[in-house]
Each structure stands twice: as C-alpha cells, then as structure tokens.
Protein backbone atom coordinates (compact mmCIF):
# COMPACT_ATOMS: atom_id res chain seq x y z
CA MET A 1 -136.61 -36.47 117.08
CA THR A 2 -138.65 -33.44 118.02
CA VAL A 3 -137.83 -30.27 119.83
CA ALA A 4 -140.76 -28.69 121.63
CA PHE A 5 -140.71 -25.25 120.05
CA ASN A 6 -141.21 -23.82 116.58
CA LEU A 7 -138.68 -21.88 114.61
CA THR A 8 -139.57 -19.75 111.64
CA GLU A 9 -137.14 -20.16 108.78
CA PHE A 10 -135.54 -16.94 107.61
CA ALA A 11 -133.39 -16.40 104.56
CA LEU A 12 -130.00 -14.82 105.07
CA PRO A 13 -129.12 -11.92 102.78
CA PRO A 14 -127.86 -13.34 99.49
CA ARG A 15 -124.61 -11.33 99.68
CA VAL A 16 -122.55 -9.98 102.53
CA VAL A 17 -119.90 -7.30 101.96
CA VAL A 18 -116.68 -7.75 103.95
CA GLY A 19 -114.23 -4.93 103.25
CA ASP A 20 -113.94 -4.77 99.47
CA ILE A 21 -115.12 -8.36 98.98
CA SER A 22 -118.72 -9.37 98.31
CA ILE A 23 -119.42 -12.90 99.55
CA ALA A 24 -122.42 -15.04 98.67
CA ARG A 25 -123.66 -16.20 102.06
CA PRO A 26 -125.54 -19.51 102.02
CA GLY A 27 -128.47 -20.10 104.33
CA PRO A 28 -130.36 -21.25 106.21
CA LEU A 29 -128.29 -23.11 108.77
CA THR A 30 -129.07 -26.67 109.85
CA VAL A 31 -128.70 -27.60 113.51
CA THR A 32 -127.88 -31.23 114.26
CA CYS A 33 -127.04 -33.15 117.40
CA ILE A 34 -124.81 -36.19 117.68
CA GLY A 35 -125.69 -38.25 120.70
CA GLU A 36 -126.35 -41.69 122.06
CA VAL A 37 -129.67 -43.49 122.13
CA ARG A 38 -130.24 -45.98 124.93
CA HIS A 39 -132.21 -49.13 124.05
CA MET A 40 -133.37 -51.96 126.29
CA GLU A 41 -132.49 -55.55 125.44
CA ASP A 42 -135.32 -58.08 125.06
CA ASP A 43 -133.84 -59.86 128.06
CA PRO A 44 -133.90 -57.35 130.97
CA ALA A 45 -131.04 -59.23 132.67
CA LEU A 46 -128.73 -58.02 129.87
CA GLY A 47 -129.52 -54.36 130.59
CA PRO A 48 -129.54 -51.47 128.12
CA TRP A 49 -127.27 -50.86 125.12
CA TRP A 50 -126.25 -47.60 123.48
CA GLN A 51 -126.13 -46.57 119.82
CA GLN A 52 -124.74 -43.36 118.32
CA LYS A 53 -127.32 -41.29 116.46
CA THR A 54 -127.26 -37.99 114.56
CA VAL A 55 -130.51 -36.03 114.70
CA THR A 56 -131.53 -32.88 112.84
CA LEU A 57 -133.04 -30.45 115.34
CA GLY A 58 -134.06 -27.59 113.08
CA ARG A 59 -133.07 -24.74 110.81
CA CYS A 60 -132.02 -21.26 111.80
CA ALA A 61 -131.40 -18.00 109.99
CA SER A 62 -128.18 -17.03 111.75
CA ILE A 63 -125.39 -18.34 113.94
CA ALA A 64 -126.68 -16.36 116.93
CA GLU A 65 -130.16 -17.81 116.45
CA ALA A 66 -128.75 -21.34 116.17
CA ILE A 67 -126.75 -20.87 119.39
CA SER A 68 -129.85 -19.59 121.19
CA PHE A 69 -131.94 -22.43 119.76
CA ILE A 70 -129.47 -25.05 121.03
CA SER A 71 -129.06 -23.36 124.42
CA LEU A 72 -132.83 -23.25 124.92
CA ALA A 73 -133.26 -26.90 123.88
CA VAL A 74 -130.52 -27.96 126.30
CA ALA A 75 -131.88 -25.81 129.16
CA ARG A 76 -135.40 -27.22 128.68
CA GLY A 77 -134.20 -30.77 128.14
CA ASP A 78 -136.24 -30.77 124.93
CA ILE A 79 -134.02 -33.15 123.03
CA ALA A 80 -135.76 -36.52 123.00
CA MET A 81 -136.08 -39.38 120.55
CA GLU A 82 -139.33 -40.60 119.03
CA GLU A 83 -138.06 -44.11 118.39
CA GLY A 84 -140.27 -46.97 119.52
CA GLU A 85 -137.89 -48.79 121.83
CA ALA A 86 -135.47 -45.97 122.61
CA LEU A 87 -135.40 -45.15 126.29
CA ASP A 88 -133.20 -42.09 126.30
CA PHE A 89 -131.13 -39.73 124.13
CA ALA A 90 -127.94 -38.21 125.53
CA PRO A 91 -126.66 -35.27 123.44
CA ILE A 92 -122.89 -35.20 122.98
CA LEU A 93 -122.02 -32.75 120.23
CA PHE A 94 -124.03 -30.05 118.44
CA VAL A 95 -123.12 -29.17 114.86
CA ILE A 96 -124.29 -26.20 112.79
CA LEU A 97 -123.89 -26.58 109.02
CA ASP A 98 -124.67 -24.22 106.16
CA ARG A 99 -126.70 -25.35 103.17
CA ASP A 100 -123.53 -26.55 101.43
CA LYS A 101 -122.82 -28.83 104.44
CA ARG A 102 -119.85 -26.71 105.53
CA LEU A 103 -119.10 -26.56 109.25
CA VAL A 104 -120.22 -23.27 110.78
CA LEU A 105 -119.84 -24.13 114.48
CA ALA A 106 -119.70 -27.12 116.81
CA GLY A 107 -120.26 -27.37 120.53
CA GLU A 108 -119.73 -30.12 123.07
CA MET A 109 -122.09 -30.90 125.95
CA SER A 110 -120.32 -30.01 129.16
CA GLY A 111 -122.47 -30.76 132.18
CA ALA A 112 -125.73 -28.91 131.60
CA ASP A 113 -124.22 -26.41 129.13
CA VAL A 114 -122.73 -26.36 125.65
CA GLU A 115 -119.05 -25.48 125.30
CA TRP A 116 -118.48 -24.05 121.82
CA CYS A 117 -115.40 -25.11 119.89
CA ASP A 118 -113.07 -22.20 119.13
CA PRO A 119 -112.59 -22.00 115.34
CA VAL A 120 -109.10 -22.39 113.93
CA ALA A 121 -107.42 -19.10 113.04
CA SER A 122 -105.75 -20.21 109.80
CA ASP A 123 -105.42 -22.99 107.27
CA GLY A 124 -102.08 -23.91 108.89
CA GLU A 125 -103.77 -24.34 112.26
CA ALA A 126 -106.50 -26.39 110.52
CA ARG A 127 -103.80 -28.77 109.19
CA GLN A 128 -102.40 -29.14 112.72
CA VAL A 129 -105.89 -29.95 114.05
CA VAL A 130 -106.43 -32.55 111.31
CA GLU A 131 -103.06 -34.17 112.09
CA ALA A 132 -103.76 -34.23 115.84
CA ALA A 133 -107.26 -35.66 115.33
CA SER A 134 -105.81 -38.33 113.00
CA ARG A 135 -103.25 -39.34 115.65
CA ILE A 136 -106.00 -39.55 118.29
CA ARG A 137 -108.19 -41.67 115.98
CA ALA A 138 -105.23 -44.00 115.30
CA GLU A 139 -104.77 -44.36 119.06
CA ALA A 140 -108.51 -45.11 119.38
CA SER A 141 -108.21 -47.80 116.72
CA TYR A 142 -105.28 -49.35 118.59
CA GLU A 143 -107.24 -49.35 121.87
CA ALA A 144 -110.27 -50.94 120.18
CA GLY A 145 -107.98 -53.66 118.84
CA TRP A 146 -107.12 -54.51 122.46
CA ASP A 147 -110.83 -54.56 123.41
CA ASN A 148 -110.48 -51.28 125.34
CA PHE A 149 -113.75 -50.06 123.88
CA SER A 150 -114.47 -47.43 126.52
CA THR A 151 -111.03 -45.88 126.06
CA ALA A 152 -111.43 -45.99 122.27
CA LYS A 153 -114.83 -44.32 122.52
CA GLY A 154 -113.38 -41.53 124.68
CA LEU A 155 -110.53 -40.98 122.23
CA ARG A 156 -112.91 -40.85 119.25
CA HIS A 157 -115.00 -38.28 121.14
CA LYS A 158 -111.87 -36.22 121.85
CA ALA A 159 -110.99 -36.29 118.12
CA SER A 160 -114.53 -35.24 117.15
CA VAL A 161 -114.44 -32.26 119.52
CA LEU A 162 -111.04 -31.26 118.16
CA GLU A 163 -112.44 -31.50 114.61
CA GLY A 164 -115.23 -29.16 115.74
CA ARG A 165 -112.62 -26.40 115.47
CA LEU A 166 -112.44 -26.94 111.68
CA VAL A 167 -114.94 -24.21 110.90
CA ASP A 168 -115.05 -23.41 107.19
CA HIS A 169 -112.89 -20.40 106.34
CA ALA A 170 -115.95 -18.48 105.06
CA TRP A 171 -117.47 -18.57 108.57
CA ARG A 172 -114.44 -18.29 110.88
CA GLU A 173 -114.40 -14.53 111.50
CA GLU A 174 -118.17 -14.27 111.99
CA VAL A 175 -118.18 -17.21 114.42
CA ARG A 176 -115.20 -15.81 116.34
CA ARG A 177 -116.96 -12.42 116.62
CA ILE A 178 -120.22 -13.99 117.84
CA LEU A 179 -118.46 -16.17 120.39
CA ARG A 180 -116.50 -13.14 121.65
CA GLU A 181 -119.73 -11.16 122.06
CA GLY A 182 -121.21 -14.07 123.99
CA THR A 183 -124.66 -14.35 122.41
C-alpha cells in the first residue's frame, strides 16, 4: 500500500500541561485504513471476490495533520494496493492510533468524504457504546448463521463505526476541540 505523497515525521512534545495536570503525550500517530481488496478469480466466469484488509498509510505528528493527510489521500484517490492480483481497494474506515495503540480518532468513508466519529463524552457513554456494538455484533452473527452474509457484513460495519467513538480518554477533549474547529 502506498500513498503518493511524503510526510515528514515530527515528534510531539513529550509533555502537555492541561490545567494543573502534566500529561505525557505519546507520538507520533499512525494512520491506518480498513477497506476491502477486490481480487479476480482464476475463472473469469466466477467474477471477483472481496477480502477485508487493514493498511498502514503513514505517520503524523498531530491529529490535525492526520486528518489533513487522510482528507488529501481520499480527495486524490491515492489509496491503492500494491498486491499482485488485487484489482481495487475500497477504503471503509480510517483509524488514527497513538504509539501505545490507543484509539485517537476514527472516520468512516461517506461518499467521497470522511465522516469523523464523535468521541464519547464519558466512561459511562463508552460502556453504552460497547453494549450497543456487542448487541449489533450478536445480531450480525445470527444473520450470518442464516446465510444472510450481506446483512451480517452491514451490521458488523455499523458496529465498527459505533466503536470508532471509543476514543481513549487521554485524547477525547483534544479530538472534540479539533473536530469542532473543523480542521
């Protein structure tokens, strides 16, 4: 997977002061994309088949830079696979993680744009999101058991987008501020 532009890696300041609290801020941020790769069968009469794939796109110094990086890649259509027999890559969900693999932000492809998931406001809301996503995944499992694979796939996607709201508590306020400002 390559994206057709270069990013310089920057280190975030080792500590950020919020009120009276000094927080060690990990960095840099890793930008990944979950999508589907289209492959062609050996027998053309069978048509193509799809496989889910997670691809690392790059590293960014800040949330705003990661959002800009993703927006530019989507606008340019610069997200393409380098696999031998892969015909196409369709991005579905973008995920930004810190160096400790904590969720910083997630965004779902919506048409030709990315719709960013609004972070939960509290740990109580996070529990509600986890419960709702679990119920949706159970429904997806039930549908798959009845060979309703398309419905199951849609439900799993819905659960993943909902889980995109589970931003780590260390990042919630900063993400909310950046999304409000509309970088």
